[in-house]
């Protein structure tokens, strides 16, 4: 029976304690209701192999982007403050020189 719904593979996510990205194989041996096992193991029908790619960490990306933008704004404000402070000091020095001439 093929499933139309997706399966839950959240246990593979390395942020939730799983092993993370990689190739995985599921080996299956069936037992029918009367207790009969598969007579021989077939790698064509009894193995399901897939590549698990974890979801993109959008939360981390948005946090780091926001922090970078805030840091850039803070650096810009500090640069402008120091530039303004230096200009005011130059103005005050000129004023003092004029006063004591």
N, C-alpha and C. Protein backbone atom coordinates (compact mmCIF):
# COMPACT_ATOMS: atom_id res chain seq x y z
N UNK A 1 0.85 -1.18 0.00
CA UNK A 1 0.00 0.00 0.00
C UNK A 1 0.89 1.24 0.00
N UNK A 2 0.65 2.11 -0.91
CA UNK A 2 1.41 3.35 -0.95
C UNK A 2 0.69 4.40 -0.12
N UNK A 3 1.47 5.18 0.56
CA UNK A 3 0.91 6.21 1.43
C UNK A 3 0.85 7.53 0.68
N UNK A 4 -0.28 8.18 0.73
CA UNK A 4 -0.39 9.49 0.10
C UNK A 4 0.04 10.60 1.05
N UNK A 5 0.00 10.32 2.33
CA UNK A 5 0.45 11.30 3.32
C UNK A 5 1.96 11.15 3.52
N UNK A 6 2.59 12.20 3.96
CA UNK A 6 4.01 12.14 4.26
C UNK A 6 4.25 11.39 5.56
N UNK A 7 5.48 10.98 5.77
CA UNK A 7 5.80 10.29 7.02
C UNK A 7 6.57 11.23 7.93
N UNK A 8 6.54 10.95 9.20
CA UNK A 8 7.20 11.79 10.20
C UNK A 8 8.66 11.37 10.32
N UNK A 9 9.56 12.22 9.86
CA UNK A 9 11.00 11.95 9.97
C UNK A 9 11.67 12.98 10.86
N UNK A 10 10.91 13.58 11.77
CA UNK A 10 11.49 14.60 12.64
C UNK A 10 12.54 14.02 13.58
N UNK A 11 12.51 12.72 13.80
CA UNK A 11 13.51 12.09 14.68
C UNK A 11 14.89 12.09 14.02
N UNK A 12 14.98 12.39 12.72
CA UNK A 12 16.28 12.46 12.05
C UNK A 12 16.95 13.82 12.21
N UNK A 13 16.19 14.82 12.61
CA UNK A 13 16.71 16.19 12.72
C UNK A 13 17.75 16.26 13.83
N UNK A 14 18.96 16.73 13.49
CA UNK A 14 20.05 16.78 14.48
C UNK A 14 19.80 17.83 15.56
N UNK A 15 18.89 18.78 15.32
CA UNK A 15 18.58 19.77 16.36
C UNK A 15 17.63 19.21 17.40
N UNK A 16 17.04 18.06 17.10
CA UNK A 16 16.14 17.40 18.05
C UNK A 16 16.75 16.10 18.56
N UNK A 17 18.06 15.95 18.45
CA UNK A 17 18.73 14.78 18.99
C UNK A 17 18.96 13.67 17.99
N UNK A 18 18.58 13.87 16.74
CA UNK A 18 18.76 12.85 15.71
C UNK A 18 20.14 12.93 15.09
N UNK A 19 20.48 11.98 14.21
CA UNK A 19 21.81 11.96 13.60
C UNK A 19 22.03 13.04 12.55
N UNK A 20 20.99 13.54 11.90
CA UNK A 20 21.16 14.63 10.95
C UNK A 20 21.17 14.19 9.50
N UNK A 21 21.79 15.03 8.64
CA UNK A 21 21.79 14.82 7.19
C UNK A 21 22.55 13.55 6.82
N UNK A 22 22.03 12.83 5.83
CA UNK A 22 22.75 11.67 5.34
C UNK A 22 21.84 10.66 4.67
N UNK A 23 22.46 9.56 4.24
CA UNK A 23 21.73 8.46 3.61
C UNK A 23 21.25 7.51 4.71
N UNK A 24 20.02 7.04 4.57
CA UNK A 24 19.45 6.12 5.54
C UNK A 24 18.86 4.93 4.81
N UNK A 25 18.91 3.77 5.45
CA UNK A 25 18.34 2.56 4.88
C UNK A 25 17.46 1.90 5.94
N UNK A 26 16.31 1.42 5.48
CA UNK A 26 15.38 0.73 6.35
C UNK A 26 15.25 -0.70 5.83
N UNK A 27 15.71 -1.65 6.64
CA UNK A 27 15.62 -3.07 6.28
C UNK A 27 14.37 -3.65 6.92
N UNK A 28 13.53 -4.30 6.10
CA UNK A 28 12.24 -4.79 6.58
C UNK A 28 12.14 -6.29 6.30
N UNK A 29 11.76 -7.06 7.32
CA UNK A 29 11.39 -8.47 7.15
C UNK A 29 9.98 -8.61 7.68
N UNK A 30 9.11 -9.16 6.89
CA UNK A 30 7.71 -9.21 7.29
C UNK A 30 7.34 -10.57 7.87
N UNK A 31 6.36 -10.55 8.73
CA UNK A 31 5.76 -11.76 9.28
C UNK A 31 4.26 -11.63 9.07
N UNK A 32 3.67 -12.56 8.35
CA UNK A 32 2.23 -12.47 8.10
C UNK A 32 1.44 -12.93 9.31
N UNK A 33 0.14 -12.74 9.32
CA UNK A 33 -0.67 -13.05 10.50
C UNK A 33 -0.56 -14.50 10.97
N UNK A 34 -0.23 -15.44 10.07
CA UNK A 34 -0.13 -16.84 10.50
C UNK A 34 1.26 -17.18 11.03
N UNK A 35 2.18 -16.19 11.06
CA UNK A 35 3.50 -16.40 11.64
C UNK A 35 4.59 -16.76 10.65
N UNK A 36 4.28 -16.79 9.36
CA UNK A 36 5.29 -17.12 8.35
C UNK A 36 6.19 -15.92 8.09
N UNK A 37 7.50 -16.18 8.06
CA UNK A 37 8.48 -15.13 7.77
C UNK A 37 8.86 -15.18 6.30
N UNK A 38 9.44 -14.09 5.82
CA UNK A 38 9.96 -14.11 4.46
C UNK A 38 11.01 -15.20 4.36
N UNK A 39 10.92 -15.97 3.30
CA UNK A 39 11.84 -17.10 3.15
C UNK A 39 13.26 -16.61 2.89
N UNK A 40 13.39 -15.64 2.04
CA UNK A 40 14.73 -15.12 1.77
C UNK A 40 14.69 -13.60 1.78
N UNK A 41 15.81 -13.00 2.11
CA UNK A 41 15.92 -11.55 2.20
C UNK A 41 16.24 -11.00 0.82
N UNK A 42 15.47 -10.06 0.35
CA UNK A 42 15.68 -9.46 -0.96
C UNK A 42 16.04 -7.99 -0.80
N UNK A 43 17.13 -7.59 -1.39
CA UNK A 43 17.52 -6.17 -1.29
C UNK A 43 16.70 -5.30 -2.22
N UNK A 44 15.97 -5.91 -3.16
CA UNK A 44 15.12 -5.12 -4.06
C UNK A 44 13.81 -4.73 -3.39
N UNK A 45 13.22 -5.64 -2.63
CA UNK A 45 11.90 -5.37 -2.07
C UNK A 45 11.92 -5.11 -0.57
N UNK A 46 12.97 -5.52 0.12
CA UNK A 46 12.97 -5.41 1.58
C UNK A 46 13.80 -4.24 2.11
N UNK A 47 14.34 -3.42 1.23
CA UNK A 47 15.19 -2.30 1.67
C UNK A 47 14.64 -1.01 1.07
N UNK A 48 14.48 -0.02 1.92
CA UNK A 48 14.09 1.32 1.46
C UNK A 48 15.23 2.27 1.82
N UNK A 49 15.82 2.92 0.82
CA UNK A 49 16.96 3.83 1.02
C UNK A 49 16.52 5.23 0.63
N UNK A 50 16.91 6.23 1.45
CA UNK A 50 16.58 7.61 1.13
C UNK A 50 17.65 8.54 1.67
N UNK A 51 17.70 9.73 1.10
CA UNK A 51 18.61 10.79 1.55
C UNK A 51 17.80 11.78 2.35
N UNK A 52 18.20 12.00 3.60
CA UNK A 52 17.50 12.97 4.45
C UNK A 52 18.26 14.29 4.41
N UNK A 53 17.56 15.33 4.01
CA UNK A 53 18.10 16.69 4.02
C UNK A 53 17.30 17.47 5.05
N UNK A 54 17.95 17.95 6.12
CA UNK A 54 17.21 18.66 7.16
C UNK A 54 16.64 19.98 6.65
N UNK A 55 15.59 20.48 7.29
CA UNK A 55 15.00 21.75 6.85
C UNK A 55 15.97 22.92 7.06
N UNK A 56 15.76 23.95 6.26
CA UNK A 56 16.61 25.14 6.35
C UNK A 56 16.33 25.84 7.68
N UNK A 57 17.38 26.20 8.44
CA UNK A 57 17.18 26.84 9.75
C UNK A 57 16.83 28.32 9.60
N UNK A 58 15.59 28.61 9.22
CA UNK A 58 15.17 29.99 8.99
C UNK A 58 15.27 30.83 10.25
N UNK A 59 15.05 30.24 11.40
CA UNK A 59 15.14 30.99 12.65
C UNK A 59 16.54 31.55 12.88
N UNK A 60 17.54 30.70 12.70
CA UNK A 60 18.93 31.15 12.89
C UNK A 60 19.31 32.19 11.85
N UNK A 61 18.90 31.98 10.61
CA UNK A 61 19.22 32.93 9.54
C UNK A 61 18.63 34.30 9.85
N UNK A 62 17.37 34.34 10.29
CA UNK A 62 16.75 35.63 10.58
C UNK A 62 17.38 36.30 11.81
N UNK A 63 17.74 35.51 12.82
CA UNK A 63 18.37 36.09 14.01
C UNK A 63 19.73 36.70 13.66
N UNK A 64 20.56 35.96 12.91
CA UNK A 64 21.89 36.48 12.55
C UNK A 64 21.79 37.69 11.63
N UNK A 65 20.82 37.68 10.72
CA UNK A 65 20.64 38.84 9.84
C UNK A 65 20.22 40.07 10.64
N UNK A 66 19.28 39.88 11.57
CA UNK A 66 18.84 40.99 12.41
C UNK A 66 19.98 41.53 13.27
N UNK A 67 20.76 40.62 13.86
CA UNK A 67 21.90 41.06 14.67
C UNK A 67 22.93 41.82 13.84
N UNK A 68 23.18 41.37 12.62
CA UNK A 68 24.12 42.07 11.75
C UNK A 68 23.63 43.48 11.43
N UNK A 69 22.34 43.60 11.11
CA UNK A 69 21.79 44.92 10.79
C UNK A 69 21.84 45.84 12.01
N UNK A 70 21.48 45.34 13.19
CA UNK A 70 21.54 46.15 14.40
C UNK A 70 22.98 46.56 14.73
N UNK A 71 23.93 45.65 14.55
CA UNK A 71 25.33 45.97 14.80
C UNK A 71 25.81 47.05 13.83
N UNK A 72 25.41 46.94 12.55
CA UNK A 72 25.81 47.94 11.56
C UNK A 72 25.24 49.31 11.91
N UNK A 73 23.99 49.36 12.35
CA UNK A 73 23.37 50.63 12.76
C UNK A 73 24.10 51.21 13.96
N UNK A 74 24.45 50.37 14.94
CA UNK A 74 25.16 50.85 16.13
C UNK A 74 26.53 51.40 15.77
N UNK A 75 27.25 50.73 14.88
CA UNK A 75 28.56 51.22 14.44
C UNK A 75 28.41 52.56 13.73
N UNK A 76 27.39 52.69 12.90
CA UNK A 76 27.16 53.95 12.19
C UNK A 76 26.87 55.09 13.16
N UNK A 77 26.00 54.84 14.14
CA UNK A 77 25.70 55.87 15.14
C UNK A 77 26.94 56.26 15.94
N UNK A 78 27.75 55.28 16.32
CA UNK A 78 28.97 55.59 17.09
C UNK A 78 29.95 56.40 16.24
N UNK A 79 30.10 56.05 14.98
CA UNK A 79 30.99 56.79 14.09
C UNK A 79 30.53 58.25 13.96
N UNK A 80 29.22 58.43 13.74
CA UNK A 80 28.69 59.78 13.61
C UNK A 80 28.84 60.56 14.91
N UNK A 81 28.65 59.92 16.07
CA UNK A 81 28.80 60.58 17.36
C UNK A 81 30.24 61.04 17.57
N UNK A 82 31.20 60.19 17.26
CA UNK A 82 32.61 60.56 17.44
C UNK A 82 33.02 61.68 16.48
N UNK A 83 32.49 61.63 15.26
CA UNK A 83 32.80 62.67 14.29
C UNK A 83 32.24 64.01 14.76
N UNK A 84 31.00 64.02 15.26
CA UNK A 84 30.37 65.23 15.78
C UNK A 84 31.12 65.74 17.01
N UNK A 85 31.55 64.82 17.87
CA UNK A 85 32.28 65.22 19.08
C UNK A 85 33.62 65.86 18.72
N UNK A 86 34.30 65.32 17.73
CA UNK A 86 35.58 65.90 17.31
C UNK A 86 35.36 67.29 16.71
N UNK A 87 34.29 67.46 15.95
CA UNK A 87 34.00 68.78 15.38
C UNK A 87 33.70 69.79 16.48
N UNK A 88 32.95 69.38 17.49
CA UNK A 88 32.65 70.29 18.60
C UNK A 88 33.90 70.64 19.39
N UNK A 89 34.81 69.69 19.55
CA UNK A 89 36.07 69.99 20.25
C UNK A 89 36.90 70.99 19.46
N UNK A 90 36.95 70.81 18.12
CA UNK A 90 37.69 71.77 17.30
C UNK A 90 37.07 73.17 17.40
N UNK A 91 35.76 73.23 17.38
CA UNK A 91 35.07 74.51 17.51
C UNK A 91 35.37 75.15 18.87
N UNK A 92 35.35 74.35 19.94
CA UNK A 92 35.63 74.88 21.28
C UNK A 92 37.07 75.38 21.38
N UNK A 93 38.00 74.67 20.78
CA UNK A 93 39.40 75.12 20.82
C UNK A 93 39.56 76.45 20.08
N UNK A 94 38.92 76.56 18.91
CA UNK A 94 39.00 77.82 18.16
C UNK A 94 38.39 78.98 18.96
N UNK A 95 37.29 78.71 19.62
CA UNK A 95 36.61 79.73 20.43
C UNK A 95 37.50 80.18 21.58
N UNK A 96 38.17 79.20 22.24
CA UNK A 96 39.08 79.56 23.34
C UNK A 96 40.25 80.37 22.84
N UNK A 97 40.78 80.06 21.67
CA UNK A 97 41.91 80.83 21.11
C UNK A 97 41.50 82.26 20.81
N UNK A 98 40.29 82.41 20.26
CA UNK A 98 39.79 83.76 19.97
C UNK A 98 39.57 84.55 21.26
N UNK A 99 39.15 83.86 22.29
CA UNK A 99 38.86 84.52 23.54
C UNK A 99 40.14 85.06 24.19
N UNK A 100 41.24 84.30 24.10
CA UNK A 100 42.48 84.71 24.77
C UNK A 100 43.45 85.41 23.86
N UNK A 101 43.05 85.93 22.72
CA UNK A 101 43.95 86.64 21.82
C UNK A 101 44.33 87.99 22.33
